[in-house]
Amino acid sequence: MSMIRSILSATAALLLVAPALAGPDDFKPGMAIPAFGKVASVPDAERLSKDAVFKIAFDTAAPAEPGKVNRTLESAARFLNMHEAVGIPAANIKLAVVVHGGASADLVVGEGNANAPLVAALIKHRVRIILCGQTAAYRDIEKSDLLPGVEIALSAMTAHAKLQQDGYTLNPF
């Protein structure tokens, strides 16, 4: 009897906790960029002022796996989707993604680049996509090789320095 009572108590505890846990099915397309950056509702999260202004820089050197999108580019889409979902106006969200190293391949025109639609959607939403010029030189990437709207900076270091001078903070995710 004691064992049955213990099992029932444990089961009841799990059932009470289960609704509080979010799983992959709880992530839904966002309003800004529905095809990328799914988000989950977080009803207990700190409320953000509708007047909040975000200036965030992302950094990526890791390329996407073949046939997949770059995780950092998708994180930028997720950031837009999350914050617009809680009422932050799109005009108050300024994002930049600085790309260098092997991730440069994710910005090049060509069949099979799964990142092309994501890059186009981000640029449409005023996200700056900035390629490190030193990477471009090293990898023989010309401006004409890049997806439309991608910028080239002197270097990733220069891009980050200028973004910080303009009030952007670096998102480590």
N, C-alpha and C. Protein backbone atom coordinates (compact mmCIF):
# COMPACT_ATOMS: atom_id res chain seq x y z
N MET A 1 0.82 -1.20 0.00
CA MET A 1 0.00 0.00 0.00
C MET A 1 0.87 1.26 0.00
N SER A 2 1.93 1.21 0.78
CA SER A 2 2.85 2.34 0.84
C SER A 2 3.49 2.60 -0.51
N MET A 3 3.83 1.54 -1.24
CA MET A 3 4.45 1.69 -2.55
C MET A 3 3.45 2.31 -3.54
N ILE A 4 2.22 1.86 -3.51
CA ILE A 4 1.19 2.40 -4.40
C ILE A 4 0.98 3.88 -4.11
N ARG A 5 0.94 4.23 -2.84
CA ARG A 5 0.76 5.63 -2.44
C ARG A 5 1.94 6.47 -2.96
N SER A 6 3.15 5.95 -2.87
CA SER A 6 4.34 6.67 -3.35
C SER A 6 4.29 6.87 -4.86
N ILE A 7 3.87 5.82 -5.57
CA ILE A 7 3.77 5.91 -7.04
C ILE A 7 2.71 6.93 -7.43
N LEU A 8 1.57 6.89 -6.75
CA LEU A 8 0.50 7.85 -7.05
C LEU A 8 0.93 9.28 -6.74
N SER A 9 1.65 9.47 -5.65
CA SER A 9 2.13 10.80 -5.28
C SER A 9 3.12 11.32 -6.32
N ALA A 10 4.03 10.46 -6.75
CA ALA A 10 5.01 10.85 -7.75
C ALA A 10 4.33 11.19 -9.08
N THR A 11 3.36 10.38 -9.48
CA THR A 11 2.63 10.62 -10.72
C THR A 11 1.87 11.94 -10.64
N ALA A 12 1.23 12.20 -9.53
CA ALA A 12 0.49 13.45 -9.35
C ALA A 12 1.43 14.64 -9.41
N ALA A 13 2.60 14.53 -8.81
CA ALA A 13 3.57 15.62 -8.84
C ALA A 13 4.02 15.89 -10.27
N LEU A 14 4.26 14.84 -11.03
CA LEU A 14 4.68 15.01 -12.43
C LEU A 14 3.58 15.66 -13.25
N LEU A 15 2.34 15.28 -13.01
CA LEU A 15 1.22 15.86 -13.76
C LEU A 15 1.05 17.35 -13.45
N LEU A 16 1.33 17.73 -12.22
CA LEU A 16 1.22 19.14 -11.86
C LEU A 16 2.34 19.97 -12.49
N VAL A 17 3.51 19.38 -12.62
CA VAL A 17 4.65 20.10 -13.18
C VAL A 17 4.59 20.12 -14.70
N ALA A 18 4.06 19.10 -15.32
CA ALA A 18 4.08 18.96 -16.78
C ALA A 18 3.54 20.19 -17.52
N PRO A 19 2.43 20.81 -17.12
CA PRO A 19 1.94 21.96 -17.87
C PRO A 19 2.91 23.15 -17.84
N ALA A 20 3.78 23.21 -16.83
CA ALA A 20 4.71 24.33 -16.72
C ALA A 20 5.89 24.19 -17.68
N LEU A 21 6.11 23.00 -18.20
CA LEU A 21 7.24 22.77 -19.08
C LEU A 21 6.84 22.99 -20.53
N ALA A 22 7.68 23.70 -21.26
CA ALA A 22 7.42 23.91 -22.68
C ALA A 22 8.28 22.94 -23.48
N GLY A 23 7.70 22.41 -24.51
CA GLY A 23 8.43 21.51 -25.39
C GLY A 23 8.48 22.08 -26.79
N PRO A 24 9.10 21.35 -27.69
CA PRO A 24 9.23 21.85 -29.07
C PRO A 24 7.90 22.22 -29.72
N ASP A 25 6.82 21.54 -29.36
CA ASP A 25 5.52 21.84 -29.96
C ASP A 25 4.97 23.20 -29.52
N ASP A 26 5.55 23.77 -28.47
CA ASP A 26 5.09 25.06 -27.97
C ASP A 26 5.69 26.24 -28.74
N PHE A 27 6.64 25.97 -29.62
CA PHE A 27 7.27 27.03 -30.40
C PHE A 27 6.50 27.22 -31.70
N LYS A 28 6.08 28.45 -31.93
CA LYS A 28 5.22 28.78 -33.07
C LYS A 28 5.89 29.85 -33.94
N PRO A 29 5.47 29.95 -35.20
CA PRO A 29 6.01 31.01 -36.06
C PRO A 29 5.73 32.39 -35.48
N GLY A 30 6.68 33.28 -35.64
CA GLY A 30 6.52 34.64 -35.16
C GLY A 30 5.79 35.51 -36.16
N MET A 31 5.50 36.73 -35.73
CA MET A 31 4.76 37.66 -36.59
C MET A 31 5.67 38.36 -37.60
N ALA A 32 6.89 38.66 -37.21
CA ALA A 32 7.78 39.42 -38.10
C ALA A 32 8.29 38.57 -39.25
N ILE A 33 8.87 37.42 -38.91
CA ILE A 33 9.46 36.53 -39.92
C ILE A 33 8.93 35.12 -39.64
N PRO A 34 7.73 34.81 -40.10
CA PRO A 34 7.08 33.54 -39.76
C PRO A 34 7.84 32.28 -40.18
N ALA A 35 8.60 32.35 -41.25
CA ALA A 35 9.28 31.15 -41.74
C ALA A 35 10.51 30.77 -40.92
N PHE A 36 11.00 31.68 -40.08
CA PHE A 36 12.23 31.44 -39.33
C PHE A 36 12.08 31.97 -37.90
N GLY A 37 12.83 31.40 -36.98
CA GLY A 37 12.89 31.92 -35.62
C GLY A 37 11.63 31.71 -34.81
N LYS A 38 11.17 30.46 -34.74
CA LYS A 38 9.98 30.16 -33.95
C LYS A 38 10.19 30.56 -32.49
N VAL A 39 9.09 30.94 -31.84
CA VAL A 39 9.15 31.40 -30.45
C VAL A 39 8.04 30.76 -29.61
N ALA A 40 8.29 30.73 -28.32
CA ALA A 40 7.29 30.23 -27.37
C ALA A 40 6.82 31.40 -26.51
N SER A 41 5.57 31.35 -26.13
CA SER A 41 5.02 32.34 -25.22
C SER A 41 5.57 32.07 -23.82
N VAL A 42 5.91 33.14 -23.10
CA VAL A 42 6.41 33.01 -21.73
C VAL A 42 5.58 33.95 -20.86
N PRO A 43 4.42 33.46 -20.40
CA PRO A 43 3.49 34.34 -19.67
C PRO A 43 4.05 34.90 -18.37
N ASP A 44 5.01 34.23 -17.75
CA ASP A 44 5.55 34.71 -16.48
C ASP A 44 6.78 35.58 -16.64
N ALA A 45 7.16 35.90 -17.87
CA ALA A 45 8.35 36.72 -18.11
C ALA A 45 8.11 38.16 -17.67
N GLU A 46 9.19 38.82 -17.34
CA GLU A 46 9.15 40.23 -16.99
C GLU A 46 8.49 41.00 -18.13
N ARG A 47 7.60 41.90 -17.80
CA ARG A 47 6.94 42.72 -18.82
C ARG A 47 7.91 43.79 -19.32
N LEU A 48 7.94 43.95 -20.62
CA LEU A 48 8.80 44.96 -21.23
C LEU A 48 7.98 46.19 -21.57
N SER A 49 8.59 47.34 -21.39
CA SER A 49 7.93 48.58 -21.78
C SER A 49 7.79 48.61 -23.29
N LYS A 50 6.65 49.07 -23.76
CA LYS A 50 6.42 49.19 -25.21
C LYS A 50 7.35 50.25 -25.81
N ASP A 51 7.97 51.07 -24.96
CA ASP A 51 8.91 52.09 -25.41
C ASP A 51 10.35 51.59 -25.42
N ALA A 52 10.57 50.33 -25.05
CA ALA A 52 11.93 49.79 -25.01
C ALA A 52 12.56 49.87 -26.40
N VAL A 53 13.85 50.16 -26.43
CA VAL A 53 14.61 50.21 -27.68
C VAL A 53 15.76 49.22 -27.55
N PHE A 54 15.90 48.38 -28.55
CA PHE A 54 16.97 47.39 -28.56
C PHE A 54 17.89 47.67 -29.74
N LYS A 55 19.19 47.69 -29.46
CA LYS A 55 20.22 47.79 -30.50
C LYS A 55 21.20 46.64 -30.19
N ILE A 56 21.06 45.57 -30.93
CA ILE A 56 21.78 44.33 -30.62
C ILE A 56 22.63 43.91 -31.81
N ALA A 57 23.87 43.53 -31.53
CA ALA A 57 24.76 42.96 -32.54
C ALA A 57 24.95 41.48 -32.23
N PHE A 58 24.86 40.67 -33.26
CA PHE A 58 25.14 39.24 -33.17
C PHE A 58 26.46 39.00 -33.92
N ASP A 59 27.14 37.93 -33.60
CA ASP A 59 28.40 37.59 -34.25
C ASP A 59 28.39 36.11 -34.60
N THR A 60 28.83 35.79 -35.81
CA THR A 60 28.92 34.38 -36.17
C THR A 60 30.12 34.11 -37.07
N ALA A 61 30.81 33.04 -36.76
CA ALA A 61 31.89 32.53 -37.60
C ALA A 61 31.60 31.09 -38.00
N ALA A 62 30.66 30.46 -37.31
CA ALA A 62 30.34 29.05 -37.57
C ALA A 62 29.35 28.95 -38.73
N PRO A 63 29.72 28.22 -39.77
CA PRO A 63 28.79 28.08 -40.90
C PRO A 63 27.64 27.14 -40.57
N ALA A 64 26.58 27.28 -41.33
CA ALA A 64 25.43 26.38 -41.19
C ALA A 64 25.82 25.00 -41.70
N GLU A 65 25.16 23.99 -41.16
CA GLU A 65 25.33 22.65 -41.71
C GLU A 65 24.71 22.64 -43.11
N PRO A 66 25.21 21.81 -44.01
CA PRO A 66 24.66 21.79 -45.38
C PRO A 66 23.13 21.61 -45.38
N GLY A 67 22.47 22.48 -46.14
CA GLY A 67 21.02 22.41 -46.26
C GLY A 67 20.25 23.02 -45.10
N LYS A 68 20.95 23.57 -44.11
CA LYS A 68 20.29 24.18 -42.94
C LYS A 68 20.65 25.66 -42.89
N VAL A 69 19.90 26.38 -42.04
CA VAL A 69 20.18 27.81 -41.89
C VAL A 69 21.19 28.03 -40.76
N ASN A 70 21.88 29.14 -40.87
CA ASN A 70 22.85 29.53 -39.86
C ASN A 70 22.11 29.85 -38.56
N ARG A 71 22.57 29.24 -37.48
CA ARG A 71 21.88 29.40 -36.19
C ARG A 71 21.85 30.84 -35.70
N THR A 72 22.91 31.58 -35.95
CA THR A 72 22.94 32.97 -35.50
C THR A 72 22.00 33.84 -36.31
N LEU A 73 21.94 33.60 -37.62
CA LEU A 73 20.97 34.34 -38.44
C LEU A 73 19.55 34.04 -37.97
N GLU A 74 19.28 32.77 -37.65
CA GLU A 74 17.95 32.43 -37.16
C GLU A 74 17.69 33.04 -35.78
N SER A 75 18.73 33.16 -34.97
CA SER A 75 18.56 33.82 -33.66
C SER A 75 18.14 35.27 -33.83
N ALA A 76 18.67 35.94 -34.84
CA ALA A 76 18.25 37.32 -35.10
C ALA A 76 16.76 37.37 -35.46
N ALA A 77 16.32 36.42 -36.28
CA ALA A 77 14.89 36.34 -36.62
C ALA A 77 14.07 36.06 -35.36
N ARG A 78 14.56 35.17 -34.52
CA ARG A 78 13.85 34.84 -33.27
C ARG A 78 13.74 36.08 -32.38
N PHE A 79 14.82 36.86 -32.30
CA PHE A 79 14.80 38.07 -31.49
C PHE A 79 13.70 39.01 -31.97
N LEU A 80 13.63 39.22 -33.28
CA LEU A 80 12.56 40.06 -33.84
C LEU A 80 11.19 39.50 -33.49
N ASN A 81 11.00 38.21 -33.73
CA ASN A 81 9.70 37.58 -33.49
C ASN A 81 9.29 37.67 -32.02
N MET A 82 10.22 37.39 -31.11
CA MET A 82 9.90 37.43 -29.67
C MET A 82 9.45 38.81 -29.23
N HIS A 83 10.22 39.81 -29.65
CA HIS A 83 9.96 41.14 -29.13
C HIS A 83 8.77 41.82 -29.79
N GLU A 84 8.55 41.54 -31.06
CA GLU A 84 7.33 42.08 -31.68
C GLU A 84 6.10 41.39 -31.10
N ALA A 85 6.23 40.11 -30.71
CA ALA A 85 5.10 39.38 -30.13
C ALA A 85 4.65 39.96 -28.80
N VAL A 86 5.56 40.61 -28.08
CA VAL A 86 5.19 41.21 -26.79
C VAL A 86 4.94 42.71 -26.92
N GLY A 87 4.82 43.19 -28.17
CA GLY A 87 4.39 44.56 -28.38
C GLY A 87 5.48 45.60 -28.59
N ILE A 88 6.72 45.18 -28.73
CA ILE A 88 7.78 46.16 -29.02
C ILE A 88 7.67 46.53 -30.50
N PRO A 89 7.54 47.80 -30.82
CA PRO A 89 7.42 48.20 -32.23
C PRO A 89 8.68 47.83 -33.03
N ALA A 90 8.49 47.41 -34.26
CA ALA A 90 9.61 47.03 -35.12
C ALA A 90 10.63 48.17 -35.22
N ALA A 91 10.16 49.41 -35.22
CA ALA A 91 11.07 50.55 -35.32
C ALA A 91 12.00 50.66 -34.12
N ASN A 92 11.66 50.02 -33.01
CA ASN A 92 12.47 50.07 -31.80
C ASN A 92 13.47 48.92 -31.70
N ILE A 93 13.53 48.09 -32.73
CA ILE A 93 14.42 46.94 -32.71
C ILE A 93 15.43 47.10 -33.85
N LYS A 94 16.68 47.33 -33.49
CA LYS A 94 17.74 47.51 -34.47
C LYS A 94 18.75 46.39 -34.25
N LEU A 95 18.91 45.55 -35.27
CA LEU A 95 19.80 44.39 -35.17
C LEU A 95 20.86 44.43 -36.26
N ALA A 96 22.00 43.85 -35.94
CA ALA A 96 23.08 43.67 -36.92
C ALA A 96 23.69 42.30 -36.67
N VAL A 97 24.06 41.62 -37.73
CA VAL A 97 24.76 40.34 -37.63
C VAL A 97 26.10 40.50 -38.34
N VAL A 98 27.17 40.34 -37.57
CA VAL A 98 28.52 40.43 -38.13
C VAL A 98 28.97 39.00 -38.43
N VAL A 99 29.37 38.78 -39.68
CA VAL A 99 29.69 37.44 -40.17
C VAL A 99 31.16 37.40 -40.59
N HIS A 100 31.84 36.35 -40.15
CA HIS A 100 33.25 36.18 -40.54
C HIS A 100 33.57 34.70 -40.58
N GLY A 101 34.78 34.38 -40.98
CA GLY A 101 35.22 32.99 -41.03
C GLY A 101 34.35 32.16 -41.97
N GLY A 102 34.17 30.90 -41.62
CA GLY A 102 33.43 29.96 -42.45
C GLY A 102 31.98 30.32 -42.67
N ALA A 103 31.41 31.13 -41.76
CA ALA A 103 30.01 31.53 -41.93
C ALA A 103 29.82 32.42 -43.15
N SER A 104 30.90 32.93 -43.71
CA SER A 104 30.80 33.77 -44.91
C SER A 104 30.11 33.02 -46.05
N ALA A 105 30.27 31.70 -46.09
CA ALA A 105 29.64 30.90 -47.15
C ALA A 105 28.11 31.00 -47.10
N ASP A 106 27.57 31.34 -45.93
CA ASP A 106 26.12 31.45 -45.77
C ASP A 106 25.56 32.71 -46.41
N LEU A 107 26.45 33.60 -46.87
CA LEU A 107 26.02 34.87 -47.46
C LEU A 107 26.25 34.93 -48.96
N VAL A 108 26.76 33.85 -49.53
CA VAL A 108 27.12 33.84 -50.94
C VAL A 108 25.95 33.36 -51.80
N VAL A 109 25.78 34.03 -52.94
CA VAL A 109 24.75 33.65 -53.90
C VAL A 109 25.07 32.26 -54.45
N GLY A 110 24.05 31.45 -54.60
CA GLY A 110 24.26 30.14 -55.21
C GLY A 110 23.11 29.20 -54.88
N GLU A 111 22.90 28.27 -55.79
CA GLU A 111 21.86 27.28 -55.55
C GLU A 111 22.23 26.48 -54.31
N GLY A 112 21.22 26.13 -53.57
CA GLY A 112 21.45 25.31 -52.40
C GLY A 112 21.81 26.09 -51.15
N ASN A 113 21.90 27.42 -51.24
CA ASN A 113 22.16 28.20 -50.03
C ASN A 113 20.85 28.38 -49.28
N ALA A 114 20.65 27.55 -48.28
CA ALA A 114 19.40 27.57 -47.50
C ALA A 114 19.23 28.89 -46.74
N ASN A 115 20.29 29.67 -46.63
CA ASN A 115 20.22 30.93 -45.88
C ASN A 115 19.67 32.09 -46.70
N ALA A 116 19.61 31.95 -48.03
CA ALA A 116 19.18 33.07 -48.87
C ALA A 116 17.81 33.63 -48.48
N PRO A 117 16.79 32.80 -48.28
CA PRO A 117 15.49 33.38 -47.89
C PRO A 117 15.52 34.04 -46.51
N LEU A 118 16.30 33.47 -45.59
CA LEU A 118 16.41 34.06 -44.25
C LEU A 118 17.13 35.40 -44.31
N VAL A 119 18.23 35.46 -45.05
CA VAL A 119 18.97 36.73 -45.18
C VAL A 119 18.06 37.78 -45.82
N ALA A 120 17.33 37.42 -46.85
CA ALA A 120 16.42 38.37 -47.50
C ALA A 120 15.35 38.87 -46.52
N ALA A 121 14.80 37.97 -45.72
CA ALA A 121 13.78 38.36 -44.74
C ALA A 121 14.36 39.28 -43.67
N LEU A 122 15.56 38.97 -43.20
CA LEU A 122 16.19 39.82 -42.19
C LEU A 122 16.45 41.21 -42.75
N ILE A 123 17.01 41.28 -43.95
CA ILE A 123 17.30 42.59 -44.56
C ILE A 123 16.01 43.37 -44.79
N LYS A 124 14.95 42.69 -45.19
CA LYS A 124 13.64 43.34 -45.37
C LYS A 124 13.17 43.97 -44.05
N HIS A 125 13.56 43.36 -42.93
CA HIS A 125 13.18 43.88 -41.61
C HIS A 125 14.27 44.77 -41.02
N ARG A 126 15.09 45.35 -41.88
CA ARG A 126 16.11 46.33 -41.51
C ARG A 126 17.23 45.77 -40.64
N VAL A 127 17.46 44.47 -40.68
CA VAL A 127 18.61 43.89 -39.99
C VAL A 127 19.82 44.05 -40.89
N ARG A 128 20.87 44.60 -40.33
CA ARG A 128 22.12 44.75 -41.09
C ARG A 128 22.89 43.43 -41.05
N ILE A 129 23.27 42.93 -42.20
CA ILE A 129 24.11 41.74 -42.31
C ILE A 129 25.46 42.24 -42.82
N ILE A 130 26.50 42.11 -41.99
CA ILE A 130 27.79 42.71 -42.28
C ILE A 130 28.86 41.62 -42.36
N LEU A 131 29.49 41.52 -43.53
CA LEU A 131 30.55 40.54 -43.72
C LEU A 131 31.90 41.19 -43.43
N CYS A 132 32.75 40.47 -42.72
CA CYS A 132 34.11 40.89 -42.44
C CYS A 132 34.89 40.99 -43.76
N GLY A 133 35.44 42.16 -44.05
CA GLY A 133 36.20 42.35 -45.27
C GLY A 133 37.47 41.52 -45.32
N GLN A 134 38.06 41.24 -44.17
CA GLN A 134 39.27 40.42 -44.13
C GLN A 134 38.92 38.98 -44.52
N THR A 135 37.77 38.51 -44.06
CA THR A 135 37.30 37.18 -44.48
C THR A 135 37.03 37.17 -45.96
N ALA A 136 36.37 38.21 -46.45
CA ALA A 136 36.05 38.28 -47.89
C ALA A 136 37.33 38.23 -48.71
N ALA A 137 38.36 38.98 -48.30
CA ALA A 137 39.62 38.98 -49.03
C ALA A 137 40.29 37.61 -48.97
N TYR A 138 40.30 37.01 -47.80
CA TYR A 138 40.95 35.71 -47.62
C TYR A 138 40.27 34.63 -48.46
N ARG A 139 38.94 34.71 -48.56
CA ARG A 139 38.16 33.68 -49.26
C ARG A 139 37.80 34.07 -50.69
N ASP A 140 38.39 35.15 -51.17
CA ASP A 140 38.14 35.62 -52.55
C ASP A 140 36.65 35.85 -52.82
N ILE A 141 35.98 36.48 -51.88
CA ILE A 141 34.55 36.81 -52.03
C ILE A 141 34.44 38.26 -52.45
N GLU A 142 33.82 38.48 -53.59
CA GLU A 142 33.58 39.82 -54.11
C GLU A 142 32.17 40.26 -53.69
N LYS A 143 31.93 41.57 -53.72
CA LYS A 143 30.60 42.10 -53.40
C LYS A 143 29.54 41.45 -54.30
N SER A 144 29.87 41.22 -55.55
CA SER A 144 28.91 40.62 -56.49
C SER A 144 28.60 39.16 -56.18
N ASP A 145 29.41 38.53 -55.32
CA ASP A 145 29.17 37.14 -54.91
C ASP A 145 28.15 37.05 -53.78
N LEU A 146 27.84 38.19 -53.16
CA LEU A 146 27.02 38.19 -51.95
C LEU A 146 25.52 38.32 -52.25
N LEU A 147 24.75 37.79 -51.33
CA LEU A 147 23.29 37.96 -51.41
C LEU A 147 22.96 39.44 -51.37
N PRO A 148 21.88 39.86 -52.03
CA PRO A 148 21.52 41.29 -52.05
C PRO A 148 21.36 41.86 -50.65
N GLY A 149 21.94 43.05 -50.45
CA GLY A 149 21.79 43.77 -49.19
C GLY A 149 22.88 43.50 -48.16
N VAL A 150 23.72 42.50 -48.40
CA VAL A 150 24.81 42.21 -47.46
C VAL A 150 25.87 43.30 -47.59
N GLU A 151 26.31 43.83 -46.46
CA GLU A 151 27.33 44.88 -46.42
C GLU A 151 28.71 44.24 -46.19
N ILE A 152 29.75 44.97 -46.55
CA ILE A 152 31.11 44.54 -46.25
C ILE A 152 31.78 45.63 -45.41
N ALA A 153 32.36 45.21 -44.28
CA ALA A 153 33.12 46.13 -43.42
C ALA A 153 34.61 45.86 -43.63
N LEU A 154 35.44 46.77 -43.17
CA LEU A 154 36.88 46.57 -43.25
C LEU A 154 37.26 45.25 -42.56
N SER A 155 36.64 45.00 -41.41
CA SER A 155 36.88 43.76 -40.66
C SER A 155 35.71 43.55 -39.72
N ALA A 156 35.62 42.35 -39.17
CA ALA A 156 34.60 42.08 -38.15
C ALA A 156 34.88 42.93 -36.91
N MET A 157 36.17 43.08 -36.59
CA MET A 157 36.53 43.90 -35.42
C MET A 157 36.07 45.33 -35.61
N THR A 158 36.27 45.87 -36.81
CA THR A 158 35.85 47.23 -37.10
C THR A 158 34.33 47.36 -37.03
N ALA A 159 33.63 46.39 -37.60
CA ALA A 159 32.17 46.42 -37.57
C ALA A 159 31.66 46.44 -36.13
N HIS A 160 32.21 45.57 -35.28
CA HIS A 160 31.78 45.55 -33.87
C HIS A 160 32.12 46.85 -33.16
N ALA A 161 33.30 47.40 -33.42
CA ALA A 161 33.68 48.65 -32.78
C ALA A 161 32.71 49.77 -33.16
N LYS A 162 32.40 49.86 -34.46
CA LYS A 162 31.48 50.91 -34.92
C LYS A 162 30.07 50.69 -34.35
N LEU A 163 29.62 49.44 -34.32
CA LEU A 163 28.29 49.15 -33.76
C LEU A 163 28.24 49.53 -32.28
N GLN A 164 29.30 49.23 -31.53
CA GLN A 164 29.33 49.61 -30.11
C GLN A 164 29.31 51.12 -29.95
N GLN A 165 30.03 51.83 -30.82
CA GLN A 165 30.03 53.30 -30.77
C GLN A 165 28.63 53.85 -31.06
N ASP A 166 27.85 53.08 -31.83
CA ASP A 166 26.48 53.49 -32.16
C ASP A 166 25.46 52.99 -31.13
N GLY A 167 25.94 52.41 -30.04
CA GLY A 167 25.04 52.01 -28.96
C GLY A 167 24.55 50.57 -29.00
N TYR A 168 25.08 49.76 -29.89
CA TYR A 168 24.70 48.35 -29.95
C TYR A 168 25.40 47.57 -28.84
N THR A 169 24.73 46.59 -28.30
CA THR A 169 25.35 45.66 -27.36
C THR A 169 25.49 44.32 -28.05
N LEU A 170 26.48 43.55 -27.63
CA LEU A 170 26.74 42.26 -28.24
C LEU A 170 25.91 41.18 -27.57
N ASN A 171 25.12 40.48 -28.36
CA ASN A 171 24.33 39.36 -27.84
C ASN A 171 25.21 38.11 -27.92
N PRO A 172 25.46 37.45 -26.80
CA PRO A 172 26.36 36.29 -26.82
C PRO A 172 25.71 35.00 -27.32
N PHE A 173 24.47 35.03 -27.73
CA PHE A 173 23.78 33.81 -28.14
C PHE A 173 23.63 33.75 -29.65
